Amino acid sequence: MVMEYQQKKAIKIVLWTNVSKIEGTTFSLQSVSCSKNNRLSDLMNFEEQTFLPISDAKIYSATTNELIGETNFVNVNKRHIIMIAEAKK
């Protein structure tokens, strides 16, 4: 079986939940379901994807901003995201 590669756009992000702030990289896929602009808002509004995959994540406490941990990959349920923005490069 041959798998077709989908073009990805890396997006550096910072997001907040009730308990944490996460900095890392997510990826938007070019597909017929998403806008060709591949904006962060398009990725958040893509209803078929419940979780937001984040690579090279740094996780901080939302209250103290203390680094809790780092991981190569974390999946965040989009329902728990309070705020998200593209990070400064």
C-alpha atoms as a PDB file:
ATOM      1  CA  MET A   1       0.000   0.000   0.000  1.00  0.00           C
ATOM      2  CA  VAL A   2       1.353   3.408  -1.007  1.00  0.00           C
ATOM      3  CA  MET A   3       0.648   6.261   1.382  1.00  0.00           C
ATOM      4  CA  GLU A   4       0.429   9.744  -0.021  1.00  0.00           C
ATOM      5  CA  TYR A   5       2.419  12.401   1.856  1.00  0.00           C
ATOM      6  CA  GLN A   6       0.450  15.447   2.924  1.00  0.00           C
ATOM      7  CA  GLN A   7       2.123  18.830   2.994  1.00  0.00           C
ATOM      8  CA  LYS A   8       2.400  20.193   6.549  1.00  0.00           C
ATOM      9  CA  LYS A   9       2.976  23.695   7.839  1.00  0.00           C
ATOM     10  CA  ALA A  10       4.761  24.019  11.200  1.00  0.00           C
ATOM     11  CA  ILE A  11       3.198  26.555  13.543  1.00  0.00           C
ATOM     12  CA  LYS A  12       4.986  27.643  16.745  1.00  0.00           C
ATOM     13  CA  ILE A  13       2.326  28.105  19.412  1.00  0.00           C
ATOM     14  CA  VAL A  14       1.695  28.939  23.032  1.00  0.00           C
ATOM     15  CA  LEU A  15      -1.556  27.804  24.638  1.00  0.00           C
ATOM     16  CA  TRP A  16      -3.169  27.960  28.052  1.00  0.00           C
ATOM     17  CA  THR A  17      -5.431  25.512  29.878  1.00  0.00           C
ATOM     18  CA  ASN A  18      -6.776  25.849  33.435  1.00  0.00           C
ATOM     19  CA  VAL A  19      -3.651  24.230  34.844  1.00  0.00           C
ATOM     20  CA  SER A  20      -0.848  24.778  32.355  1.00  0.00           C
ATOM     21  CA  LYS A  21       0.781  26.867  29.678  1.00  0.00           C
ATOM     22  CA  ILE A  22       2.287  24.881  26.795  1.00  0.00           C
ATOM     23  CA  GLU A  23       4.798  26.104  24.232  1.00  0.00           C
ATOM     24  CA  GLY A  24       5.640  23.990  21.207  1.00  0.00           C
ATOM     25  CA  THR A  25       5.008  23.274  17.553  1.00  0.00           C
ATOM     26  CA  THR A  26       1.827  22.025  15.923  1.00  0.00           C
ATOM     27  CA  PHE A  27       1.188  21.270  12.278  1.00  0.00           C
ATOM     28  CA  SER A  28      -1.668  22.125   9.964  1.00  0.00           C
ATOM     29  CA  LEU A  29      -2.421  19.787   7.080  1.00  0.00           C
ATOM     30  CA  GLN A  30      -3.492  20.906   3.651  1.00  0.00           C
ATOM     31  CA  SER A  31      -6.687  19.049   2.888  1.00  0.00           C
ATOM     32  CA  VAL A  32     -10.059  19.624   1.347  1.00  0.00           C
ATOM     33  CA  SER A  33     -11.548  19.959   4.847  1.00  0.00           C
ATOM     34  CA  CYS A  34      -9.246  22.795   5.901  1.00  0.00           C
ATOM     35  CA  SER A  35      -8.625  26.176   4.383  1.00  0.00           C
ATOM     36  CA  LYS A  36      -5.678  26.370   2.027  1.00  0.00           C
ATOM     37  CA  ASN A  37      -4.431  29.277   4.160  1.00  0.00           C
ATOM     38  CA  ASN A  38      -3.581  26.810   6.974  1.00  0.00           C
ATOM     39  CA  ARG A  39      -4.203  29.357   9.684  1.00  0.00           C
ATOM     40  CA  LEU A  40      -4.154  28.415  13.352  1.00  0.00           C
ATOM     41  CA  SER A  41      -7.850  29.309  13.554  1.00  0.00           C
ATOM     42  CA  ASP A  42      -8.585  26.823  10.740  1.00  0.00           C
ATOM     43  CA  LEU A  43      -6.814  24.094  12.697  1.00  0.00           C
ATOM     44  CA  MET A  44      -8.773  24.903  15.877  1.00  0.00           C
ATOM     45  CA  ASN A  45     -12.089  24.941  13.993  1.00  0.00           C
ATOM     46  CA  PHE A  46     -11.451  21.599  12.240  1.00  0.00           C
ATOM     47  CA  GLU A  47     -14.156  19.599  14.060  1.00  0.00           C
ATOM     48  CA  GLU A  48     -12.999  16.128  12.996  1.00  0.00           C
ATOM     49  CA  GLN A  49      -9.804  16.605  15.035  1.00  0.00           C
ATOM     50  CA  THR A  50     -10.565  16.605  18.787  1.00  0.00           C
ATOM     51  CA  PHE A  51      -6.949  16.760  19.934  1.00  0.00           C
ATOM     52  CA  LEU A  52      -4.201  19.218  19.046  1.00  0.00           C
ATOM     53  CA  PRO A  53      -0.845  17.431  18.594  1.00  0.00           C
ATOM     54  CA  ILE A  54       2.142  19.413  19.871  1.00  0.00           C
ATOM     55  CA  SER A  55       5.781  18.460  19.380  1.00  0.00           C
ATOM     56  CA  ASP A  56       8.820  19.727  21.306  1.00  0.00           C
ATOM     57  CA  ALA A  57       6.497  20.840  24.093  1.00  0.00           C
ATOM     58  CA  LYS A  58       7.492  22.762  27.204  1.00  0.00           C
ATOM     59  CA  ILE A  59       4.837  22.603  29.898  1.00  0.00           C
ATOM     60  CA  TYR A  60       4.601  25.324  32.549  1.00  0.00           C
ATOM     61  CA  SER A  61       2.355  25.819  35.568  1.00  0.00           C
ATOM     62  CA  ALA A  62      -0.423  28.273  34.700  1.00  0.00           C
ATOM     63  CA  THR A  63      -0.211  29.878  38.144  1.00  0.00           C
ATOM     64  CA  THR A  64       3.544  30.074  38.808  1.00  0.00           C
ATOM     65  CA  ASN A  65       4.909  29.858  35.242  1.00  0.00           C
ATOM     66  CA  GLU A  66       7.401  27.279  36.595  1.00  0.00           C
ATOM     67  CA  LEU A  67       8.612  24.691  34.061  1.00  0.00           C
ATOM     68  CA  ILE A  68       6.900  21.391  34.905  1.00  0.00           C
ATOM     69  CA  GLY A  69       8.404  19.312  32.130  1.00  0.00           C
ATOM     70  CA  GLU A  70       9.413  18.884  28.510  1.00  0.00           C
ATOM     71  CA  THR A  71       8.347  16.195  26.075  1.00  0.00           C
ATOM     72  CA  ASN A  72       8.774  15.355  22.397  1.00  0.00           C
ATOM     73  CA  PHE A  73       5.018  14.972  21.962  1.00  0.00           C
ATOM     74  CA  VAL A  74       1.794  15.777  23.761  1.00  0.00           C
ATOM     75  CA  ASN A  75      -1.828  15.684  22.596  1.00  0.00           C
ATOM     76  CA  VAL A  76      -4.095  18.366  24.084  1.00  0.00           C
ATOM     77  CA  ASN A  77      -7.864  18.054  23.995  1.00  0.00           C
ATOM     78  CA  LYS A  78      -9.073  21.223  22.249  1.00  0.00           C
ATOM     79  CA  ARG A  79     -12.003  21.547  24.681  1.00  0.00           C
ATOM     80  CA  HIS A  80      -9.498  22.309  27.461  1.00  0.00           C
ATOM     81  CA  ILE A  81      -7.742  25.125  25.619  1.00  0.00           C
ATOM     82  CA  ILE A  82      -8.639  28.532  27.060  1.00  0.00           C
ATOM     83  CA  MET A  83      -6.412  30.613  24.798  1.00  0.00           C
ATOM     84  CA  ILE A  84      -3.962  29.892  21.961  1.00  0.00           C
ATOM     85  CA  ALA A  85      -1.679  32.089  19.888  1.00  0.00           C
ATOM     86  CA  GLU A  86       1.175  31.832  17.457  1.00  0.00           C
ATOM     87  CA  ALA A  87       4.428  32.243  19.368  1.00  0.00           C
ATOM     88  CA  LYS A  88       6.949  34.933  18.586  1.00  0.00           C
ATOM     89  CA  LYS A  89       9.679  33.502  16.424  1.00  0.00           C
END
